Amino acid sequence: MANHKSAKKRTRRNASKAEVNKARKSRMRSFIKKVELAIEAKDAKLAQEALRLVQPELCRSVSKGLIHKNAAARKLSRLVAKVKAIA
């Protein structure tokens, strides 16, 4: 356990940041899930609309340091390919 004042402060900051990151990651996953559900339902119009919304969300996740930029590019690329396949 932390003994120094600065170490105790760091554990508090880490805990609050973890909460924020957890919420952001959950939001990102929710957007991705909407696209995947639309693809599963074979609804091209809904899938394209959901894809349009997921793109800035993934970019935001990268800028906040939640995921690596290549991971975001890979996720987006795979989603686009799936949407094209049903369109």
PDB file of N, CA and C in Angstrom:
ATOM      1  N   MET A   1       0.845  -1.193   0.000  1.00  0.00           N
ATOM      2  CA  MET A   1       0.000   0.000   0.000  1.00  0.00           C
ATOM      3  C   MET A   1       0.884   1.248   0.000  1.00  0.00           C
ATOM      4  N   ALA A   2       0.327   2.337  -0.503  1.00  0.00           N
ATOM      5  CA  ALA A   2       1.075   3.592  -0.622  1.00  0.00           C
ATOM      6  C   ALA A   2       1.339   4.195   0.755  1.00  0.00           C
ATOM      7  N   ASN A   3       2.564   4.666   0.933  1.00  0.00           N
ATOM      8  CA  ASN A   3       2.936   5.292   2.202  1.00  0.00           C
ATOM      9  C   ASN A   3       3.165   6.792   2.065  1.00  0.00           C
ATOM     10  N   HIS A   4       3.681   7.219   0.922  1.00  0.00           N
ATOM     11  CA  HIS A   4       3.941   8.645   0.726  1.00  0.00           C
ATOM     12  C   HIS A   4       2.665   9.376   0.342  1.00  0.00           C
ATOM     13  N   LYS A   5       2.645  10.646   0.673  1.00  0.00           N
ATOM     14  CA  LYS A   5       1.491  11.485   0.364  1.00  0.00           C
ATOM     15  C   LYS A   5       1.233  11.512  -1.151  1.00  0.00           C
ATOM     16  N   SER A   6       2.305  11.641  -1.925  1.00  0.00           N
ATOM     17  CA  SER A   6       2.169  11.702  -3.382  1.00  0.00           C
ATOM     18  C   SER A   6       1.673  10.368  -3.954  1.00  0.00           C
ATOM     19  N   ALA A   7       2.105   9.265  -3.348  1.00  0.00           N
ATOM     20  CA  ALA A   7       1.679   7.944  -3.809  1.00  0.00           C
ATOM     21  C   ALA A   7       0.198   7.724  -3.510  1.00  0.00           C
ATOM     22  N   LYS A   8      -0.250   8.225  -2.376  1.00  0.00           N
ATOM     23  CA  LYS A   8      -1.667   8.114  -2.022  1.00  0.00           C
ATOM     24  C   LYS A   8      -2.525   8.926  -2.990  1.00  0.00           C
ATOM     25  N   LYS A   9      -2.026  10.117  -3.330  1.00  0.00           N
ATOM     26  CA  LYS A   9      -2.739  10.965  -4.289  1.00  0.00           C
ATOM     27  C   LYS A   9      -2.800  10.263  -5.646  1.00  0.00           C
ATOM     28  N   ARG A  10      -1.690   9.651  -6.046  1.00  0.00           N
ATOM     29  CA  ARG A  10      -1.637   8.951  -7.334  1.00  0.00           C
ATOM     30  C   ARG A  10      -2.642   7.806  -7.378  1.00  0.00           C
ATOM     31  N   THR A  11      -2.813   7.072  -6.296  1.00  0.00           N
ATOM     32  CA  THR A  11      -3.793   5.983  -6.293  1.00  0.00           C
ATOM     33  C   THR A  11      -5.211   6.523  -6.418  1.00  0.00           C
ATOM     34  N   ARG A  12      -5.472   7.677  -5.798  1.00  0.00           N
ATOM     35  CA  ARG A  12      -6.793   8.304  -5.942  1.00  0.00           C
ATOM     36  C   ARG A  12      -7.024   8.726  -7.386  1.00  0.00           C
ATOM     37  N   ARG A  13      -6.009   9.347  -7.996  1.00  0.00           N
ATOM     38  CA  ARG A  13      -6.123   9.805  -9.381  1.00  0.00           C
ATOM     39  C   ARG A  13      -6.295   8.617 -10.328  1.00  0.00           C
ATOM     40  N   ASN A  14      -5.551   7.555 -10.073  1.00  0.00           N
ATOM     41  CA  ASN A  14      -5.658   6.362 -10.911  1.00  0.00           C
ATOM     42  C   ASN A  14      -7.058   5.773 -10.851  1.00  0.00           C
ATOM     43  N   ALA A  15      -7.637   5.764  -9.661  1.00  0.00           N
ATOM     44  CA  ALA A  15      -8.981   5.218  -9.493  1.00  0.00           C
ATOM     45  C   ALA A  15     -10.014   6.039 -10.262  1.00  0.00           C
ATOM     46  N   SER A  16      -9.889   7.373 -10.188  1.00  0.00           N
ATOM     47  CA  SER A  16     -10.860   8.213 -10.889  1.00  0.00           C
ATOM     48  C   SER A  16     -10.680   8.105 -12.399  1.00  0.00           C
ATOM     49  N   LYS A  17      -9.429   8.032 -12.861  1.00  0.00           N
ATOM     50  CA  LYS A  17      -9.164   7.874 -14.294  1.00  0.00           C
ATOM     51  C   LYS A  17      -9.684   6.526 -14.794  1.00  0.00           C
ATOM     52  N   ALA A  18      -9.557   5.493 -13.964  1.00  0.00           N
ATOM     53  CA  ALA A  18     -10.029   4.162 -14.343  1.00  0.00           C
ATOM     54  C   ALA A  18     -11.539   4.180 -14.568  1.00  0.00           C
ATOM     55  N   GLU A  19     -12.252   4.915 -13.728  1.00  0.00           N
ATOM     56  CA  GLU A  19     -13.705   5.028 -13.875  1.00  0.00           C
ATOM     57  C   GLU A  19     -14.064   5.709 -15.196  1.00  0.00           C
ATOM     58  N   VAL A  20     -13.355   6.793 -15.494  1.00  0.00           N
ATOM     59  CA  VAL A  20     -13.607   7.533 -16.732  1.00  0.00           C
ATOM     60  C   VAL A  20     -13.313   6.658 -17.943  1.00  0.00           C
ATOM     61  N   ASN A  21     -12.171   5.976 -17.901  1.00  0.00           N
ATOM     62  CA  ASN A  21     -11.784   5.107 -19.015  1.00  0.00           C
ATOM     63  C   ASN A  21     -12.758   3.952 -19.204  1.00  0.00           C
ATOM     64  N   LYS A  22     -13.259   3.435 -18.101  1.00  0.00           N
ATOM     65  CA  LYS A  22     -14.234   2.344 -18.156  1.00  0.00           C
ATOM     66  C   LYS A  22     -15.508   2.801 -18.869  1.00  0.00           C
ATOM     67  N   ALA A  23     -15.955   3.996 -18.541  1.00  0.00           N
ATOM     68  CA  ALA A  23     -17.158   4.550 -19.169  1.00  0.00           C
ATOM     69  C   ALA A  23     -16.924   4.802 -20.659  1.00  0.00           C
ATOM     70  N   ARG A  24     -15.753   5.335 -20.992  1.00  0.00           N
ATOM     71  CA  ARG A  24     -15.441   5.614 -22.397  1.00  0.00           C
ATOM     72  C   ARG A  24     -15.367   4.330 -23.217  1.00  0.00           C
ATOM     73  N   LYS A  25     -14.740   3.304 -22.647  1.00  0.00           N
ATOM     74  CA  LYS A  25     -14.588   2.036 -23.355  1.00  0.00           C
ATOM     75  C   LYS A  25     -15.958   1.385 -23.554  1.00  0.00           C
ATOM     76  N   SER A  26     -16.807   1.486 -22.550  1.00  0.00           N
ATOM     77  CA  SER A  26     -18.156   0.938 -22.637  1.00  0.00           C
ATOM     78  C   SER A  26     -18.953   1.648 -23.726  1.00  0.00           C
ATOM     79  N   ARG A  27     -18.807   2.970 -23.794  1.00  0.00           N
ATOM     80  CA  ARG A  27     -19.500   3.762 -24.822  1.00  0.00           C
ATOM     81  C   ARG A  27     -19.037   3.345 -26.215  1.00  0.00           C
ATOM     82  N   MET A  28     -17.735   3.177 -26.370  1.00  0.00           N
ATOM     83  CA  MET A  28     -17.172   2.766 -27.654  1.00  0.00           C
ATOM     84  C   MET A  28     -17.720   1.394 -28.070  1.00  0.00           C
ATOM     85  N   ARG A  29     -17.738   0.465 -27.119  1.00  0.00           N
ATOM     86  CA  ARG A  29     -18.245  -0.882 -27.406  1.00  0.00           C
ATOM     87  C   ARG A  29     -19.718  -0.862 -27.774  1.00  0.00           C
ATOM     88  N   SER A  30     -20.477   0.028 -27.130  1.00  0.00           N
ATOM     89  CA  SER A  30     -21.909   0.133 -27.426  1.00  0.00           C
ATOM     90  C   SER A  30     -22.138   0.580 -28.871  1.00  0.00           C
ATOM     91  N   PHE A  31     -21.345   1.549 -29.319  1.00  0.00           N
ATOM     92  CA  PHE A  31     -21.459   2.023 -30.702  1.00  0.00           C
ATOM     93  C   PHE A  31     -21.120   0.908 -31.685  1.00  0.00           C
ATOM     94  N   ILE A  32     -20.065   0.148 -31.376  1.00  0.00           N
ATOM     95  CA  ILE A  32     -19.659  -0.965 -32.241  1.00  0.00           C
ATOM     96  C   ILE A  32     -20.752  -2.031 -32.266  1.00  0.00           C
ATOM     97  N   LYS A  33     -21.350  -2.295 -31.110  1.00  0.00           N
ATOM     98  CA  LYS A  33     -22.389  -3.311 -30.999  1.00  0.00           C
ATOM     99  C   LYS A  33     -23.609  -2.959 -31.851  1.00  0.00           C
ATOM    100  N   LYS A  34     -23.942  -1.658 -31.928  1.00  0.00           N
ATOM    101  CA  LYS A  34     -25.076  -1.224 -32.751  1.00  0.00           C
ATOM    102  C   LYS A  34     -24.852  -1.571 -34.214  1.00  0.00           C
ATOM    103  N   VAL A  35     -23.623  -1.373 -34.690  1.00  0.00           N
ATOM    104  CA  VAL A  35     -23.292  -1.704 -36.077  1.00  0.00           C
ATOM    105  C   VAL A  35     -23.399  -3.216 -36.280  1.00  0.00           C
ATOM    106  N   GLU A  36     -22.835  -3.970 -35.358  1.00  0.00           N
ATOM    107  CA  GLU A  36     -22.842  -5.427 -35.480  1.00  0.00           C
ATOM    108  C   GLU A  36     -24.260  -5.988 -35.449  1.00  0.00           C
ATOM    109  N   LEU A  37     -25.118  -5.416 -34.625  1.00  0.00           N
ATOM    110  CA  LEU A  37     -26.510  -5.879 -34.568  1.00  0.00           C
ATOM    111  C   LEU A  37     -27.250  -5.567 -35.864  1.00  0.00           C
ATOM    112  N   ALA A  38     -26.977  -4.405 -36.439  1.00  0.00           N
ATOM    113  CA  ALA A  38     -27.598  -4.037 -37.714  1.00  0.00           C
ATOM    114  C   ALA A  38     -27.113  -4.963 -38.825  1.00  0.00           C
ATOM    115  N   ILE A  39     -25.839  -5.331 -38.788  1.00  0.00           N
ATOM    116  CA  ILE A  39     -25.283  -6.261 -39.777  1.00  0.00           C
ATOM    117  C   ILE A  39     -25.939  -7.632 -39.628  1.00  0.00           C
ATOM    118  N   GLU A  40     -26.082  -8.059 -38.397  1.00  0.00           N
ATOM    119  CA  GLU A  40     -26.711  -9.357 -38.106  1.00  0.00           C
ATOM    120  C   GLU A  40     -28.152  -9.397 -38.613  1.00  0.00           C
ATOM    121  N   ALA A  41     -28.839  -8.259 -38.483  1.00  0.00           N
ATOM    122  CA  ALA A  41     -30.231  -8.159 -38.928  1.00  0.00           C
ATOM    123  C   ALA A  41     -30.326  -7.927 -40.434  1.00  0.00           C
ATOM    124  N   LYS A  42     -29.172  -7.792 -41.102  1.00  0.00           N
ATOM    125  CA  LYS A  42     -29.096  -7.552 -42.553  1.00  0.00           C
ATOM    126  C   LYS A  42     -29.804  -6.253 -42.953  1.00  0.00           C
ATOM    127  N   ASP A  43     -29.748  -5.259 -42.071  1.00  0.00           N
ATOM    128  CA  ASP A  43     -30.342  -3.947 -42.334  1.00  0.00           C
ATOM    129  C   ASP A  43     -29.233  -2.989 -42.787  1.00  0.00           C
ATOM    130  N   ALA A  44     -29.058  -2.871 -44.103  1.00  0.00           N
ATOM    131  CA  ALA A  44     -27.946  -2.096 -44.662  1.00  0.00           C
ATOM    132  C   ALA A  44     -28.042  -0.618 -44.301  1.00  0.00           C
ATOM    133  N   LYS A  45     -29.233  -0.065 -44.360  1.00  0.00           N
ATOM    134  CA  LYS A  45     -29.412   1.366 -44.089  1.00  0.00           C
ATOM    135  C   LYS A  45     -29.070   1.688 -42.627  1.00  0.00           C
ATOM    136  N   LEU A  46     -29.580   0.883 -41.727  1.00  0.00           N
ATOM    137  CA  LEU A  46     -29.299   1.085 -40.305  1.00  0.00           C
ATOM    138  C   LEU A  46     -27.815   0.858 -40.006  1.00  0.00           C
ATOM    139  N   ALA A  47     -27.211  -0.123 -40.661  1.00  0.00           N
ATOM    140  CA  ALA A  47     -25.793  -0.428 -40.458  1.00  0.00           C
ATOM    141  C   ALA A  47     -24.922   0.739 -40.917  1.00  0.00           C
ATOM    142  N   GLN A  48     -25.262   1.333 -42.050  1.00  0.00           N
ATOM    143  CA  GLN A  48     -24.486   2.461 -42.552  1.00  0.00           C
ATOM    144  C   GLN A  48     -24.611   3.672 -41.640  1.00  0.00           C
ATOM    145  N   GLU A  49     -25.791   3.897 -41.118  1.00  0.00           N
ATOM    146  CA  GLU A  49     -26.004   5.018 -40.196  1.00  0.00           C
ATOM    147  C   GLU A  49     -25.210   4.792 -38.902  1.00  0.00           C
ATOM    148  N   ALA A  50     -25.256   3.568 -38.390  1.00  0.00           N
ATOM    149  CA  ALA A  50     -24.512   3.245 -37.169  1.00  0.00           C
ATOM    150  C   ALA A  50     -23.011   3.347 -37.417  1.00  0.00           C
ATOM    151  N   LEU A  51     -22.572   2.953 -38.598  1.00  0.00           N
ATOM    152  CA  LEU A  51     -21.154   3.038 -38.960  1.00  0.00           C
ATOM    153  C   LEU A  51     -20.691   4.490 -39.020  1.00  0.00           C
ATOM    154  N   ARG A  52     -21.554   5.352 -39.527  1.00  0.00           N
ATOM    155  CA  ARG A  52     -21.242   6.780 -39.592  1.00  0.00           C
ATOM    156  C   ARG A  52     -21.046   7.360 -38.185  1.00  0.00           C
ATOM    157  N   LEU A  53     -21.757   6.820 -37.204  1.00  0.00           N
ATOM    158  CA  LEU A  53     -21.643   7.296 -35.834  1.00  0.00           C
ATOM    159  C   LEU A  53     -20.455   6.674 -35.095  1.00  0.00           C
ATOM    160  N   VAL A  54     -20.085   5.459 -35.473  1.00  0.00           N
ATOM    161  CA  VAL A  54     -19.000   4.768 -34.764  1.00  0.00           C
ATOM    162  C   VAL A  54     -17.634   5.324 -35.144  1.00  0.00           C
ATOM    163  N   GLN A  55     -17.519   5.880 -36.343  1.00  0.00           N
ATOM    164  CA  GLN A  55     -16.226   6.371 -36.814  1.00  0.00           C
ATOM    165  C   GLN A  55     -15.636   7.468 -35.905  1.00  0.00           C
ATOM    166  N   PRO A  56     -16.360   8.544 -35.611  1.00  0.00           N
ATOM    167  CA  PRO A  56     -15.782   9.552 -34.721  1.00  0.00           C
ATOM    168  C   PRO A  56     -15.575   9.042 -33.297  1.00  0.00           C
ATOM    169  N   GLU A  57     -16.390   8.077 -32.902  1.00  0.00           N
ATOM    170  CA  GLU A  57     -16.248   7.505 -31.558  1.00  0.00           C
ATOM    171  C   GLU A  57     -14.924   6.757 -31.431  1.00  0.00           C
ATOM    172  N   LEU A  58     -14.564   6.020 -32.469  1.00  0.00           N
ATOM    173  CA  LEU A  58     -13.279   5.310 -32.465  1.00  0.00           C
ATOM    174  C   LEU A  58     -12.116   6.305 -32.484  1.00  0.00           C
ATOM    175  N   CYS A  59     -12.249   7.356 -33.273  1.00  0.00           N
ATOM    176  CA  CYS A  59     -11.197   8.384 -33.330  1.00  0.00           C
ATOM    177  C   CYS A  59     -11.037   9.056 -31.967  1.00  0.00           C
ATOM    178  N   ARG A  60     -12.141   9.268 -31.294  1.00  0.00           N
ATOM    179  CA  ARG A  60     -12.109   9.879 -29.963  1.00  0.00           C
ATOM    180  C   ARG A  60     -11.404   8.951 -28.975  1.00  0.00           C
ATOM    181  N   SER A  61     -11.649   7.660 -29.102  1.00  0.00           N
ATOM    182  CA  SER A  61     -10.997   6.686 -28.226  1.00  0.00           C
ATOM    183  C   SER A  61      -9.489   6.695 -28.414  1.00  0.00           C
ATOM    184  N   VAL A  62      -9.065   6.876 -29.651  1.00  0.00           N
ATOM    185  CA  VAL A  62      -7.627   6.949 -29.937  1.00  0.00           C
ATOM    186  C   VAL A  62      -7.034   8.209 -29.324  1.00  0.00           C
ATOM    187  N   SER A  63      -7.705   9.336 -29.514  1.00  0.00           N
ATOM    188  CA  SER A  63      -7.173  10.601 -29.014  1.00  0.00           C
ATOM    189  C   SER A  63      -7.131  10.649 -27.491  1.00  0.00           C
ATOM    190  N   LYS A  64      -8.002   9.905 -26.832  1.00  0.00           N
ATOM    191  CA  LYS A  64      -8.014   9.854 -25.373  1.00  0.00           C
ATOM    192  C   LYS A  64      -7.063   8.794 -24.830  1.00  0.00           C
ATOM    193  N   GLY A  65      -6.421   8.055 -25.740  1.00  0.00           N
ATOM    194  CA  GLY A  65      -5.452   7.050 -25.316  1.00  0.00           C
ATOM    195  C   GLY A  65      -6.068   5.747 -24.860  1.00  0.00           C
ATOM    196  N   LEU A  66      -7.298   5.506 -25.245  1.00  0.00           N
ATOM    197  CA  LEU A  66      -7.995   4.299 -24.820  1.00  0.00           C
ATOM    198  C   LEU A  66      -7.542   3.078 -25.608  1.00  0.00           C
ATOM    199  N   ILE A  67      -7.397   3.254 -26.915  1.00  0.00           N
ATOM    200  CA  ILE A  67      -6.926   2.176 -27.773  1.00  0.00           C
ATOM    201  C   ILE A  67      -5.873   2.716 -28.727  1.00  0.00           C
ATOM    202  N   HIS A  68      -5.099   1.832 -29.299  1.00  0.00           N
ATOM    203  CA  HIS A  68      -4.057   2.223 -30.254  1.00  0.00           C
ATOM    204  C   HIS A  68      -4.713   2.600 -31.573  1.00  0.00           C
ATOM    205  N   LYS A  69      -4.081   3.499 -32.317  1.00  0.00           N
ATOM    206  CA  LYS A  69      -4.669   3.969 -33.569  1.00  0.00           C
ATOM    207  C   LYS A  69      -4.817   2.844 -34.585  1.00  0.00           C
ATOM    208  N   ASN A  70      -3.891   1.905 -34.588  1.00  0.00           N
ATOM    209  CA  ASN A  70      -3.997   0.775 -35.521  1.00  0.00           C
ATOM    210  C   ASN A  70      -5.148  -0.155 -35.140  1.00  0.00           C
ATOM    211  N   ALA A  71      -5.406  -0.287 -33.855  1.00  0.00           N
ATOM    212  CA  ALA A  71      -6.525  -1.106 -33.392  1.00  0.00           C
ATOM    213  C   ALA A  71      -7.843  -0.486 -33.852  1.00  0.00           C
ATOM    214  N   ALA A  72      -7.941   0.839 -33.749  1.00  0.00           N
ATOM    215  CA  ALA A  72      -9.145   1.545 -34.193  1.00  0.00           C
ATOM    216  C   ALA A  72      -9.316   1.401 -35.703  1.00  0.00           C
ATOM    217  N   ALA A  73      -8.215   1.537 -36.439  1.00  0.00           N
ATOM    218  CA  ALA A  73      -8.261   1.413 -37.896  1.00  0.00           C
ATOM    219  C   ALA A  73      -8.706   0.008 -38.289  1.00  0.00           C
ATOM    220  N   ARG A  74      -8.190  -0.983 -37.587  1.00  0.00           N
ATOM    221  CA  ARG A  74      -8.545  -2.372 -37.863  1.00  0.00           C
ATOM    222  C   ARG A  74     -10.035  -2.629 -37.592  1.00  0.00           C
ATOM    223  N   LYS A  75     -10.514  -2.153 -36.447  1.00  0.00           N
ATOM    224  CA  LYS A  75     -11.934  -2.335 -36.106  1.00  0.00           C
ATOM    225  C   LYS A  75     -12.836  -1.680 -37.151  1.00  0.00           C
ATOM    226  N   LEU A  76     -12.479  -0.458 -37.521  1.00  0.00           N
ATOM    227  CA  LEU A  76     -13.271   0.295 -38.488  1.00  0.00           C
ATOM    228  C   LEU A  76     -13.247  -0.383 -39.852  1.00  0.00           C
ATOM    229  N   SER A  77     -12.088  -0.827 -40.261  1.00  0.00           N
ATOM    230  CA  SER A  77     -11.935  -1.493 -41.549  1.00  0.00           C
ATOM    231  C   SER A  77     -12.799  -2.751 -41.624  1.00  0.00           C
ATOM    232  N   ARG A  78     -12.784  -3.530 -40.567  1.00  0.00           N
ATOM    233  CA  ARG A  78     -13.566  -4.768 -40.545  1.00  0.00           C
ATOM    234  C   ARG A  78     -15.059  -4.483 -40.547  1.00  0.00           C
ATOM    235  N   LEU A  79     -15.475  -3.433 -39.827  1.00  0.00           N
ATOM    236  CA  LEU A  79     -16.888  -3.060 -39.814  1.00  0.00           C
ATOM    237  C   LEU A  79     -17.334  -2.597 -41.205  1.00  0.00           C
ATOM    238  N   VAL A  80     -16.499  -1.784 -41.847  1.00  0.00           N
ATOM    239  CA  VAL A  80     -16.832  -1.283 -43.190  1.00  0.00           C
ATOM    240  C   VAL A  80     -16.978  -2.445 -44.160  1.00  0.00           C
ATOM    241  N   ALA A  81     -16.070  -3.404 -44.067  1.00  0.00           N
ATOM    242  CA  ALA A  81     -16.128  -4.570 -44.959  1.00  0.00           C
ATOM    243  C   ALA A  81     -17.407  -5.371 -44.744  1.00  0.00           C
ATOM    244  N   LYS A  82     -17.813  -5.513 -43.499  1.00  0.00           N
ATOM    245  CA  LYS A  82     -19.050  -6.251 -43.189  1.00  0.00           C
ATOM    246  C   LYS A  82     -20.281  -5.508 -43.707  1.00  0.00           C
ATOM    247  N   VAL A  83     -20.269  -4.177 -43.546  1.00  0.00           N
ATOM    248  CA  VAL A  83     -21.408  -3.379 -44.030  1.00  0.00           C
ATOM    249  C   VAL A  83     -21.484  -3.441 -45.543  1.00  0.00           C
ATOM    250  N   LYS A  84     -20.346  -3.362 -46.217  1.00  0.00           N
ATOM    251  CA  LYS A  84     -20.329  -3.447 -47.690  1.00  0.00           C
ATOM    252  C   LYS A  84     -20.865  -4.799 -48.153  1.00  0.00           C
ATOM    253  N   ALA A  85     -20.560  -5.838 -47.406  1.00  0.00           N
ATOM    254  CA  ALA A  85     -20.971  -7.181 -47.790  1.00  0.00           C
ATOM    255  C   ALA A  85     -22.513  -7.334 -47.798  1.00  0.00           C
ATOM    256  N   ILE A  86     -23.187  -6.634 -46.889  1.00  0.00           N
ATOM    257  CA  ILE A  86     -24.651  -6.761 -46.843  1.00  0.00           C
ATOM    258  C   ILE A  86     -25.342  -5.732 -47.733  1.00  0.00           C
ATOM    259  N   ALA A  87     -24.617  -4.685 -48.152  1.00  0.00           N
ATOM    260  CA  ALA A  87     -25.229  -3.624 -48.966  1.00  0.00           C
ATOM    261  C   ALA A  87     -25.433  -4.073 -50.405  1.00  0.00           C
TER     262      ALA A  87
END
